Amino acid sequence: MICKSFSPIIDKKCKVLILGSMPGVKSLTEQQYYAHPYNRFWRLMCLLLDEDISLNDYVAKTAMLLKHDIALWDTLAYCEREGSLDSDINAEIPNDIIGLLNDYQGITTIICNGGKAGSAFKKYFIKQISKDIKVYYLHSTSPANARMTLDALAEEWKCAINEAF
């Protein structure tokens, strides 16, 4: 199956850029980041940002990120993959992260959500990133990462989010 990334959720006030790898099947079908009901990304963001919004309201979820100066995108623009597992990604092509950072120079922190996002970031971008930008490689919010509880994810992610502000 051919997979193509979405446009970034970003504005000029953003200080943090969270990068996934590539949306899964449910997200691609819904055309929404982290649409799988068992992915903990949106619950984690609500918890860390102390927001109480409907997890069924995609507009509210994306607005919450922007309200807190957080941008969202993927390291990959294109790949071929059957199913949703990052380990099945083939023929990958990266997004233009460097171009995005040039356009949005307020970004001071990058958080890679999971191993594939982190490895793709290191492979394609790390040598071109300003030393002034902090990069965090955190555990994935994916349901495939069942060994990490929401509370454990929150502890890890809280440090990176708090340091950015």
N, C-alpha and C. Protein backbone atom coordinates (compact mmCIF):
# COMPACT_ATOMS: atom_id res chain seq x y z
N MET A 1 0.84 -1.18 0.00
CA MET A 1 0.00 0.00 0.00
C MET A 1 0.89 1.25 0.00
N ILE A 2 0.54 2.22 -0.80
CA ILE A 2 1.25 3.49 -0.85
C ILE A 2 0.71 4.39 0.26
N CYS A 3 1.61 4.97 1.04
CA CYS A 3 1.23 5.86 2.14
C CYS A 3 1.87 7.22 1.92
N LYS A 4 1.06 8.27 2.11
CA LYS A 4 1.55 9.64 1.99
C LYS A 4 1.19 10.41 3.24
N SER A 5 2.17 11.15 3.72
CA SER A 5 2.02 11.95 4.93
C SER A 5 1.02 13.10 4.72
N PHE A 6 0.54 13.63 5.81
CA PHE A 6 -0.35 14.79 5.80
C PHE A 6 0.47 16.08 5.84
N SER A 7 -0.19 17.20 5.63
CA SER A 7 0.43 18.50 5.84
C SER A 7 0.70 18.68 7.33
N PRO A 8 1.70 19.47 7.67
CA PRO A 8 1.96 19.70 9.09
C PRO A 8 0.87 20.55 9.74
N ILE A 9 0.70 20.35 11.02
CA ILE A 9 -0.13 21.24 11.84
C ILE A 9 0.87 22.18 12.50
N ILE A 10 0.86 23.45 12.11
CA ILE A 10 1.89 24.37 12.58
C ILE A 10 1.46 25.80 12.36
N ASP A 11 1.97 26.69 13.18
CA ASP A 11 1.85 28.13 12.93
C ASP A 11 3.13 28.80 13.41
N LYS A 12 3.22 30.08 13.18
CA LYS A 12 4.47 30.81 13.45
C LYS A 12 4.83 30.90 14.93
N LYS A 13 3.88 30.62 15.83
CA LYS A 13 4.17 30.68 17.27
C LYS A 13 4.79 29.40 17.81
N CYS A 14 4.76 28.33 17.04
CA CYS A 14 5.19 27.02 17.54
C CYS A 14 6.65 27.01 17.95
N LYS A 15 6.89 26.36 19.09
CA LYS A 15 8.23 26.20 19.64
C LYS A 15 8.67 24.74 19.62
N VAL A 16 7.69 23.83 19.64
CA VAL A 16 7.95 22.39 19.69
C VAL A 16 7.40 21.76 18.41
N LEU A 17 8.18 20.85 17.84
CA LEU A 17 7.74 20.06 16.69
C LEU A 17 7.78 18.60 17.09
N ILE A 18 6.61 17.97 17.11
CA ILE A 18 6.52 16.53 17.38
C ILE A 18 6.46 15.83 16.03
N LEU A 19 7.35 14.85 15.86
CA LEU A 19 7.42 14.10 14.61
C LEU A 19 7.07 12.64 14.83
N GLY A 20 6.08 12.17 14.08
CA GLY A 20 5.81 10.74 14.00
C GLY A 20 6.60 10.18 12.83
N SER A 21 6.30 8.96 12.47
CA SER A 21 6.96 8.34 11.31
C SER A 21 6.08 8.49 10.07
N MET A 22 4.98 7.77 10.05
CA MET A 22 4.00 7.80 8.96
C MET A 22 2.66 7.39 9.56
N PRO A 23 1.57 8.08 9.20
CA PRO A 23 0.26 7.69 9.75
C PRO A 23 -0.07 6.23 9.44
N GLY A 24 -0.73 5.58 10.39
CA GLY A 24 -1.18 4.21 10.20
C GLY A 24 -2.43 4.15 9.33
N VAL A 25 -2.91 2.94 9.10
CA VAL A 25 -4.05 2.72 8.22
C VAL A 25 -5.27 3.52 8.66
N LYS A 26 -5.62 3.46 9.95
CA LYS A 26 -6.79 4.19 10.46
C LYS A 26 -6.63 5.69 10.25
N SER A 27 -5.45 6.21 10.52
CA SER A 27 -5.20 7.64 10.34
C SER A 27 -5.28 8.03 8.87
N LEU A 28 -4.73 7.20 8.00
CA LEU A 28 -4.79 7.48 6.56
C LEU A 28 -6.24 7.46 6.07
N THR A 29 -7.01 6.52 6.56
CA THR A 29 -8.43 6.42 6.19
C THR A 29 -9.19 7.65 6.65
N GLU A 30 -8.95 8.06 7.90
CA GLU A 30 -9.66 9.20 8.49
C GLU A 30 -9.06 10.54 8.09
N GLN A 31 -7.84 10.51 7.54
CA GLN A 31 -7.08 11.73 7.23
C GLN A 31 -6.91 12.61 8.47
N GLN A 32 -6.53 11.94 9.57
CA GLN A 32 -6.29 12.60 10.84
C GLN A 32 -5.08 11.97 11.52
N TYR A 33 -4.23 12.80 12.08
CA TYR A 33 -3.12 12.27 12.86
C TYR A 33 -3.63 11.48 14.05
N TYR A 34 -3.01 10.35 14.31
CA TYR A 34 -3.27 9.52 15.48
C TYR A 34 -4.76 9.20 15.66
N ALA A 35 -5.38 8.71 14.59
CA ALA A 35 -6.82 8.41 14.61
C ALA A 35 -7.15 7.06 15.25
N HIS A 36 -6.19 6.17 15.36
CA HIS A 36 -6.48 4.86 15.95
C HIS A 36 -6.91 5.06 17.41
N PRO A 37 -8.04 4.49 17.80
CA PRO A 37 -8.56 4.75 19.16
C PRO A 37 -7.64 4.29 20.28
N TYR A 38 -6.73 3.36 20.00
CA TYR A 38 -5.83 2.88 21.04
C TYR A 38 -4.49 3.61 21.05
N ASN A 39 -4.27 4.49 20.10
CA ASN A 39 -3.05 5.30 20.15
C ASN A 39 -3.25 6.33 21.26
N ARG A 40 -2.25 6.47 22.09
CA ARG A 40 -2.39 7.32 23.29
C ARG A 40 -1.94 8.75 23.08
N PHE A 41 -1.60 9.13 21.84
CA PHE A 41 -1.06 10.46 21.61
C PHE A 41 -1.98 11.57 22.13
N TRP A 42 -3.24 11.57 21.73
CA TRP A 42 -4.14 12.67 22.11
C TRP A 42 -4.45 12.66 23.60
N ARG A 43 -4.60 11.48 24.19
CA ARG A 43 -4.81 11.42 25.65
C ARG A 43 -3.59 11.94 26.38
N LEU A 44 -2.40 11.60 25.88
CA LEU A 44 -1.16 12.07 26.48
C LEU A 44 -1.05 13.59 26.39
N MET A 45 -1.38 14.15 25.24
CA MET A 45 -1.31 15.61 25.08
C MET A 45 -2.29 16.30 26.03
N CYS A 46 -3.51 15.78 26.14
CA CYS A 46 -4.48 16.36 27.07
C CYS A 46 -3.95 16.34 28.50
N LEU A 47 -3.36 15.24 28.87
CA LEU A 47 -2.81 15.08 30.21
C LEU A 47 -1.66 16.07 30.45
N LEU A 48 -0.72 16.13 29.52
CA LEU A 48 0.45 17.00 29.70
C LEU A 48 0.11 18.47 29.61
N LEU A 49 -0.87 18.81 28.80
CA LEU A 49 -1.23 20.21 28.60
C LEU A 49 -2.38 20.65 29.49
N ASP A 50 -2.85 19.74 30.34
CA ASP A 50 -3.94 20.01 31.28
C ASP A 50 -5.17 20.55 30.55
N GLU A 51 -5.56 19.82 29.51
CA GLU A 51 -6.72 20.19 28.70
C GLU A 51 -7.78 19.10 28.80
N ASP A 52 -9.02 19.52 28.81
CA ASP A 52 -10.15 18.58 28.84
C ASP A 52 -10.98 18.83 27.58
N ILE A 53 -10.64 18.12 26.51
CA ILE A 53 -11.36 18.29 25.25
C ILE A 53 -11.90 16.94 24.80
N SER A 54 -12.85 16.98 23.90
CA SER A 54 -13.40 15.75 23.35
C SER A 54 -12.37 15.08 22.45
N LEU A 55 -12.08 13.83 22.72
CA LEU A 55 -11.13 13.10 21.89
C LEU A 55 -11.75 12.70 20.55
N ASN A 56 -13.04 13.00 20.38
CA ASN A 56 -13.71 12.74 19.10
C ASN A 56 -13.71 13.98 18.20
N ASP A 57 -13.18 15.09 18.70
CA ASP A 57 -13.21 16.36 17.97
C ASP A 57 -11.80 16.68 17.46
N TYR A 58 -11.54 16.32 16.21
CA TYR A 58 -10.20 16.51 15.65
C TYR A 58 -9.80 17.97 15.57
N VAL A 59 -10.73 18.83 15.25
CA VAL A 59 -10.44 20.27 15.18
C VAL A 59 -10.00 20.77 16.56
N ALA A 60 -10.69 20.34 17.61
CA ALA A 60 -10.33 20.75 18.97
C ALA A 60 -8.95 20.21 19.36
N LYS A 61 -8.65 18.99 18.94
CA LYS A 61 -7.35 18.40 19.28
C LYS A 61 -6.21 19.16 18.61
N THR A 62 -6.38 19.48 17.35
CA THR A 62 -5.30 20.20 16.65
C THR A 62 -5.19 21.64 17.17
N ALA A 63 -6.33 22.24 17.50
CA ALA A 63 -6.32 23.59 18.07
C ALA A 63 -5.61 23.60 19.43
N MET A 64 -5.78 22.53 20.20
CA MET A 64 -5.11 22.42 21.50
C MET A 64 -3.59 22.47 21.31
N LEU A 65 -3.08 21.74 20.33
CA LEU A 65 -1.64 21.76 20.10
C LEU A 65 -1.15 23.16 19.77
N LEU A 66 -1.84 23.81 18.84
CA LEU A 66 -1.42 25.15 18.43
C LEU A 66 -1.54 26.16 19.57
N LYS A 67 -2.57 26.01 20.40
CA LYS A 67 -2.74 26.88 21.57
C LYS A 67 -1.51 26.81 22.48
N HIS A 68 -0.89 25.63 22.52
CA HIS A 68 0.28 25.42 23.37
C HIS A 68 1.59 25.48 22.58
N ASP A 69 1.53 26.05 21.37
CA ASP A 69 2.73 26.27 20.55
C ASP A 69 3.45 24.98 20.17
N ILE A 70 2.64 23.94 19.90
CA ILE A 70 3.18 22.64 19.51
C ILE A 70 2.74 22.33 18.08
N ALA A 71 3.72 21.97 17.25
CA ALA A 71 3.47 21.58 15.86
C ALA A 71 3.54 20.06 15.74
N LEU A 72 2.95 19.53 14.68
CA LEU A 72 2.89 18.08 14.49
C LEU A 72 3.11 17.76 13.01
N TRP A 73 4.00 16.80 12.76
CA TRP A 73 4.24 16.34 11.39
C TRP A 73 4.84 14.96 11.45
N ASP A 74 5.30 14.47 10.31
CA ASP A 74 5.94 13.15 10.22
C ASP A 74 7.31 13.27 9.58
N THR A 75 8.21 12.39 9.95
CA THR A 75 9.53 12.39 9.34
C THR A 75 9.47 11.95 7.88
N LEU A 76 8.49 11.09 7.56
CA LEU A 76 8.40 10.55 6.21
C LEU A 76 7.25 11.18 5.43
N ALA A 77 7.52 11.48 4.17
CA ALA A 77 6.49 12.01 3.27
C ALA A 77 5.78 10.89 2.53
N TYR A 78 6.50 9.79 2.29
CA TYR A 78 6.00 8.70 1.46
C TYR A 78 6.65 7.41 1.90
N CYS A 79 5.90 6.34 1.81
CA CYS A 79 6.47 5.01 1.98
C CYS A 79 5.50 3.99 1.40
N GLU A 80 5.98 2.77 1.31
CA GLU A 80 5.13 1.64 0.96
C GLU A 80 5.10 0.73 2.17
N ARG A 81 3.89 0.29 2.54
CA ARG A 81 3.73 -0.50 3.75
C ARG A 81 2.40 -1.22 3.72
N GLU A 82 2.40 -2.48 4.09
CA GLU A 82 1.16 -3.22 4.32
C GLU A 82 0.86 -3.13 5.81
N GLY A 83 -0.32 -2.68 6.17
CA GLY A 83 -0.65 -2.52 7.58
C GLY A 83 -0.11 -1.23 8.14
N SER A 84 0.06 -1.19 9.46
CA SER A 84 0.43 0.05 10.15
C SER A 84 1.78 0.00 10.86
N LEU A 85 2.42 -1.15 10.88
CA LEU A 85 3.66 -1.27 11.65
C LEU A 85 4.81 -0.53 10.98
N ASP A 86 5.53 0.24 11.78
CA ASP A 86 6.71 0.94 11.27
C ASP A 86 7.76 -0.02 10.75
N SER A 87 7.83 -1.20 11.33
CA SER A 87 8.83 -2.18 10.89
C SER A 87 8.57 -2.68 9.47
N ASP A 88 7.38 -2.44 8.94
CA ASP A 88 7.03 -2.87 7.58
C ASP A 88 7.22 -1.77 6.54
N ILE A 89 7.76 -0.62 6.94
CA ILE A 89 7.95 0.50 6.01
C ILE A 89 9.06 0.19 5.01
N ASN A 90 8.76 0.43 3.73
CA ASN A 90 9.72 0.27 2.64
C ASN A 90 9.66 1.50 1.74
N ALA A 91 10.69 1.67 0.93
CA ALA A 91 10.74 2.72 -0.10
C ALA A 91 10.39 4.10 0.48
N GLU A 92 10.98 4.41 1.61
CA GLU A 92 10.65 5.66 2.30
C GLU A 92 11.30 6.87 1.64
N ILE A 93 10.58 7.98 1.70
CA ILE A 93 11.07 9.28 1.25
C ILE A 93 10.77 10.27 2.37
N PRO A 94 11.77 11.03 2.82
CA PRO A 94 11.54 11.93 3.96
C PRO A 94 10.76 13.19 3.59
N ASN A 95 10.11 13.75 4.59
CA ASN A 95 9.52 15.08 4.45
C ASN A 95 10.64 16.12 4.46
N ASP A 96 10.32 17.35 4.10
CA ASP A 96 11.31 18.43 4.08
C ASP A 96 11.34 19.11 5.45
N ILE A 97 11.88 18.40 6.43
CA ILE A 97 11.95 18.92 7.80
C ILE A 97 12.84 20.17 7.84
N ILE A 98 13.94 20.16 7.11
CA ILE A 98 14.85 21.31 7.12
C ILE A 98 14.14 22.54 6.54
N GLY A 99 13.41 22.37 5.48
CA GLY A 99 12.64 23.48 4.91
C GLY A 99 11.61 24.01 5.89
N LEU A 100 10.95 23.09 6.60
CA LEU A 100 9.96 23.50 7.61
C LEU A 100 10.63 24.32 8.71
N LEU A 101 11.78 23.86 9.18
CA LEU A 101 12.49 24.59 10.23
C LEU A 101 12.97 25.96 9.74
N ASN A 102 13.32 26.06 8.48
CA ASN A 102 13.71 27.36 7.92
C ASN A 102 12.51 28.30 7.85
N ASP A 103 11.34 27.76 7.57
CA ASP A 103 10.12 28.57 7.49
C ASP A 103 9.56 28.94 8.86
N TYR A 104 9.81 28.08 9.85
CA TYR A 104 9.26 28.28 11.21
C TYR A 104 10.44 28.29 12.19
N GLN A 105 11.11 29.40 12.25
CA GLN A 105 12.35 29.49 13.01
C GLN A 105 12.16 29.59 14.52
N GLY A 106 10.91 29.61 14.97
CA GLY A 106 10.64 29.59 16.40
C GLY A 106 10.76 28.21 17.02
N ILE A 107 10.89 27.16 16.19
CA ILE A 107 11.01 25.80 16.71
C ILE A 107 12.36 25.65 17.42
N THR A 108 12.30 25.32 18.71
CA THR A 108 13.53 25.14 19.50
C THR A 108 13.67 23.71 20.01
N THR A 109 12.61 22.92 19.87
CA THR A 109 12.61 21.55 20.38
C THR A 109 11.92 20.64 19.38
N ILE A 110 12.54 19.49 19.14
CA ILE A 110 11.94 18.45 18.30
C ILE A 110 11.80 17.20 19.15
N ILE A 111 10.61 16.61 19.09
CA ILE A 111 10.35 15.36 19.80
C ILE A 111 9.99 14.31 18.77
N CYS A 112 10.78 13.24 18.73
CA CYS A 112 10.49 12.11 17.83
C CYS A 112 9.65 11.10 18.60
N ASN A 113 8.45 10.83 18.09
CA ASN A 113 7.50 9.93 18.73
C ASN A 113 7.76 8.51 18.25
N GLY A 114 8.64 7.80 18.95
CA GLY A 114 8.90 6.40 18.64
C GLY A 114 10.19 6.16 17.88
N GLY A 115 10.55 4.89 17.82
CA GLY A 115 11.81 4.47 17.24
C GLY A 115 11.98 4.78 15.77
N LYS A 116 10.97 4.53 14.95
CA LYS A 116 11.09 4.78 13.51
C LYS A 116 11.19 6.28 13.23
N ALA A 117 10.40 7.09 13.91
CA ALA A 117 10.50 8.54 13.75
C ALA A 117 11.91 8.99 14.11
N GLY A 118 12.45 8.45 15.19
CA GLY A 118 13.80 8.80 15.62
C GLY A 118 14.87 8.34 14.66
N SER A 119 14.78 7.11 14.19
CA SER A 119 15.81 6.61 13.28
C SER A 119 15.76 7.33 11.94
N ALA A 120 14.57 7.63 11.43
CA ALA A 120 14.46 8.39 10.18
C ALA A 120 14.99 9.81 10.37
N PHE A 121 14.71 10.41 11.52
CA PHE A 121 15.22 11.76 11.79
C PHE A 121 16.75 11.76 11.80
N LYS A 122 17.33 10.79 12.50
CA LYS A 122 18.79 10.69 12.55
C LYS A 122 19.37 10.45 11.15
N LYS A 123 18.73 9.59 10.39
CA LYS A 123 19.24 9.23 9.06
C LYS A 123 19.23 10.41 8.09
N TYR A 124 18.15 11.20 8.10
CA TYR A 124 17.97 12.23 7.09
C TYR A 124 18.30 13.66 7.55
N PHE A 125 18.22 13.94 8.86
CA PHE A 125 18.22 15.34 9.27
C PHE A 125 19.22 15.75 10.34
N ILE A 126 19.62 14.85 11.21
CA ILE A 126 20.34 15.27 12.42
C ILE A 126 21.60 16.09 12.11
N LYS A 127 22.30 15.79 11.03
CA LYS A 127 23.54 16.52 10.72
C LYS A 127 23.27 17.94 10.24
N GLN A 128 22.04 18.22 9.85
CA GLN A 128 21.69 19.55 9.33
C GLN A 128 20.98 20.42 10.36
N ILE A 129 20.72 19.90 11.53
CA ILE A 129 19.97 20.61 12.56
C ILE A 129 20.88 21.52 13.36
N SER A 130 20.43 22.73 13.60
CA SER A 130 21.16 23.68 14.42
C SER A 130 21.40 23.10 15.81
N LYS A 131 22.55 23.38 16.35
CA LYS A 131 22.89 22.94 17.72
C LYS A 131 21.98 23.60 18.76
N ASP A 132 21.28 24.67 18.36
CA ASP A 132 20.38 25.37 19.27
C ASP A 132 19.05 24.63 19.45
N ILE A 133 18.77 23.66 18.59
CA ILE A 133 17.52 22.91 18.67
C ILE A 133 17.76 21.63 19.46
N LYS A 134 16.97 21.46 20.52
CA LYS A 134 17.06 20.23 21.33
C LYS A 134 16.22 19.15 20.65
N VAL A 135 16.77 17.94 20.59
CA VAL A 135 16.07 16.82 19.97
C VAL A 135 15.91 15.71 21.01
N TYR A 136 14.67 15.23 21.15
CA TYR A 136 14.35 14.15 22.08
C TYR A 136 13.83 12.95 21.29
N TYR A 137 14.30 11.77 21.67
CA TYR A 137 13.85 10.52 21.05
C TYR A 137 13.07 9.77 22.14
N LEU A 138 11.75 9.83 22.05
CA LEU A 138 10.90 9.30 23.11
C LEU A 138 10.17 8.03 22.67
N HIS A 139 9.67 7.32 23.66
CA HIS A 139 8.90 6.11 23.37
C HIS A 139 7.60 6.46 22.64
N SER A 140 7.18 5.56 21.80
CA SER A 140 6.00 5.76 20.96
C SER A 140 4.71 5.70 21.75
N THR A 141 3.75 6.49 21.30
CA THR A 141 2.39 6.46 21.87
C THR A 141 1.54 5.38 21.21
N SER A 142 2.09 4.68 20.25
CA SER A 142 1.38 3.65 19.48
C SER A 142 0.89 2.51 20.37
N PRO A 143 -0.24 1.90 20.00
CA PRO A 143 -0.68 0.72 20.73
C PRO A 143 0.30 -0.45 20.60
N ALA A 144 1.16 -0.43 19.58
CA ALA A 144 2.18 -1.47 19.43
C ALA A 144 3.21 -1.39 20.56
N ASN A 145 3.28 -0.26 21.24
CA ASN A 145 4.20 -0.06 22.37
C ASN A 145 3.42 -0.27 23.68
N ALA A 146 2.84 -1.43 23.83
CA ALA A 146 1.97 -1.71 24.97
C ALA A 146 2.74 -1.80 26.29
N ARG A 147 4.05 -2.00 26.23
CA ARG A 147 4.81 -2.15 27.47
C ARG A 147 4.90 -0.84 28.26
N MET A 148 4.68 0.29 27.59
CA MET A 148 4.71 1.59 28.26
C MET A 148 3.27 2.01 28.61
N THR A 149 3.02 2.23 29.88
CA THR A 149 1.71 2.71 30.30
C THR A 149 1.58 4.19 29.96
N LEU A 150 0.37 4.70 29.99
CA LEU A 150 0.16 6.12 29.77
C LEU A 150 0.91 6.95 30.81
N ASP A 151 0.90 6.50 32.05
CA ASP A 151 1.61 7.22 33.11
C ASP A 151 3.12 7.24 32.86
N ALA A 152 3.68 6.14 32.39
CA ALA A 152 5.11 6.08 32.09
C ALA A 152 5.45 7.00 30.91
N LEU A 153 4.60 6.98 29.89
CA LEU A 153 4.80 7.89 28.76
C LEU A 153 4.75 9.34 29.24
N ALA A 154 3.78 9.65 30.10
CA ALA A 154 3.61 11.01 30.59
C ALA A 154 4.85 11.48 31.34
N GLU A 155 5.44 10.63 32.15
CA GLU A 155 6.66 11.00 32.88
C GLU A 155 7.78 11.34 31.91
N GLU A 156 7.96 10.49 30.90
CA GLU A 156 9.03 10.71 29.92
C GLU A 156 8.77 11.96 29.07
N TRP A 157 7.58 12.08 28.54
CA TRP A 157 7.24 13.19 27.65
C TRP A 157 7.19 14.52 28.39
N LYS A 158 6.77 14.49 29.67
CA LYS A 158 6.65 15.72 30.46
C LYS A 158 7.98 16.46 30.54
N CYS A 159 9.06 15.72 30.70
CA CYS A 159 10.38 16.35 30.79
C CYS A 159 10.69 17.13 29.51
N ALA A 160 10.46 16.52 28.35
CA ALA A 160 10.77 17.17 27.08
C ALA A 160 9.85 18.37 26.84
N ILE A 161 8.57 18.23 27.11
CA ILE A 161 7.62 19.33 26.91
C ILE A 161 7.95 20.49 27.85
N ASN A 162 8.19 20.17 29.13
CA ASN A 162 8.47 21.22 30.11
C ASN A 162 9.76 21.97 29.80
N GLU A 163 10.79 21.26 29.34
CA GLU A 163 12.06 21.91 29.01
C GLU A 163 11.91 22.89 27.85
N ALA A 164 10.97 22.61 26.96
CA ALA A 164 10.79 23.46 25.79
C ALA A 164 10.21 24.81 26.18
N PHE A 165 9.49 24.87 27.29
CA PHE A 165 8.83 26.11 27.68
C PHE A 165 9.42 26.58 28.97
